[in-house]
Protein backbone atom coordinates (compact mmCIF):
# COMPACT_ATOMS: atom_id res chain seq x y z
CA MET A 1 -12.34 -7.36 5.09
CA SER A 2 -10.82 -6.13 1.82
CA ALA A 3 -7.32 -5.47 0.56
CA ILE A 4 -6.78 -2.94 -2.20
CA PHE A 5 -3.62 -3.04 -4.19
CA LYS A 6 -2.48 -0.61 -6.86
CA LYS A 7 0.49 -1.19 -9.03
CA ILE A 8 2.49 2.06 -9.29
CA SER A 9 5.57 0.93 -11.29
CA SER A 10 6.22 -1.04 -14.52
CA SER A 11 9.24 -2.75 -13.08
CA ALA A 12 9.04 -6.17 -11.44
CA SER A 13 6.25 -6.48 -8.89
CA PRO A 14 7.01 -7.54 -5.33
CA ARG A 15 5.73 -10.98 -4.29
CA ILE A 16 3.26 -11.36 -1.33
CA ASN A 17 2.68 -14.69 0.23
CA LEU A 18 -1.01 -15.25 1.16
CA ASP A 19 -2.68 -17.92 3.22
CA VAL A 20 -5.56 -19.06 1.07
CA ASN A 21 -7.27 -20.82 3.90
CA THR A 22 -7.44 -17.59 5.92
CA ILE A 23 -8.65 -15.70 2.72
CA HIS A 24 -11.39 -18.32 2.32
CA TYR A 25 -12.59 -18.90 5.88
CA ARG A 26 -12.42 -15.13 6.90
CA LYS A 27 -14.14 -14.20 3.68
CA ILE A 28 -11.48 -11.62 2.75
CA ASP A 29 -11.86 -9.89 -0.63
CA ILE A 30 -8.68 -9.04 -2.58
CA MET A 31 -9.07 -6.51 -5.27
CA GLY A 32 -6.89 -4.95 -7.79
CA THR A 33 -7.30 -1.67 -9.57
CA PHE A 34 -6.44 -0.29 -12.87
CA GLY A 35 -6.90 3.41 -13.61
CA ALA A 36 -7.98 4.16 -10.09
CA ASP A 37 -9.57 7.37 -9.47
CA HIS A 38 -9.65 9.72 -6.39
CA ARG A 39 -12.62 7.91 -4.87
CA ASP A 40 -10.75 4.50 -5.00
CA PHE A 41 -7.75 6.26 -3.31
CA GLN A 42 -9.99 7.72 -0.64
CA THR A 43 -11.64 4.19 0.00
CA ALA A 44 -8.18 2.63 0.49
CA ALA A 45 -6.89 5.58 2.65
CA ASP A 46 -10.07 5.35 4.84
CA ALA A 47 -9.63 1.61 5.37
CA ILE A 48 -5.92 2.08 6.20
CA ASN A 49 -6.78 4.86 8.76
CA ARG A 50 -9.48 2.87 10.40
CA GLY A 51 -7.07 -0.09 10.85
CA LYS A 52 -8.88 -2.31 8.50
CA ILE A 53 -5.72 -2.88 6.43
CA ASP A 54 -2.24 -3.05 7.96
CA PHE A 55 0.47 -2.12 5.67
CA THR A 56 3.33 -2.12 8.10
CA PRO A 57 4.77 -5.46 6.89
CA VAL A 58 5.28 -4.16 3.38
CA ILE A 59 6.46 -0.63 4.00
CA GLU A 60 10.01 -0.43 2.69
CA SER A 61 11.13 2.78 4.26
CA ARG A 62 9.71 5.51 6.62
CA TYR A 63 10.37 9.12 6.80
CA SER A 64 9.25 11.91 9.11
CA PHE A 65 7.29 14.85 7.77
CA GLU A 66 10.38 16.98 8.30
CA ASN A 67 12.31 14.67 5.94
CA MET A 68 9.68 14.89 3.15
CA GLU A 69 12.25 15.86 0.52
CA ASP A 70 14.30 12.71 1.19
CA ALA A 71 11.11 10.59 1.14
CA MET A 72 10.10 12.02 -2.31
CA LYS A 73 13.67 11.24 -3.66
CA ALA A 74 13.34 7.66 -2.32
CA ALA A 75 9.85 7.21 -3.87
CA CYS A 76 11.17 8.24 -7.24
CA VAL A 77 13.84 5.56 -7.36
CA PRO A 78 12.76 2.95 -10.00
CA GLY A 79 11.59 -0.19 -8.06
CA ALA A 80 10.55 1.74 -4.97
CA TYR A 81 7.06 0.77 -4.00
CA ARG A 82 6.21 1.72 -0.44
CA VAL A 83 7.72 4.80 0.99
CA CYS A 84 5.88 6.09 4.16
CA VAL A 85 5.79 9.63 5.46
CA GLU A 86 4.66 9.77 9.00
CA MET A 87 2.57 12.87 9.70
CA LYS A 88 3.12 12.74 13.57
């Protein structure tokens, strides 16, 4: 199992608590990216879509596709990290 993180803001990073025993015994890889390209994004998106990575605990706000404009405004606020647009 892998977790892929990408910092998208220069403001203070959010903190995430990790259980190092779980990481060790389940052989979980944690990777960071710098200068990620389209292929890196696609790899992460595929893992999320297949349920390999569950981001629900860290999503700050959710918007329907019909409220895309509000979602974009929220995502542009300094310090905003995880704005989700649901395509259903």
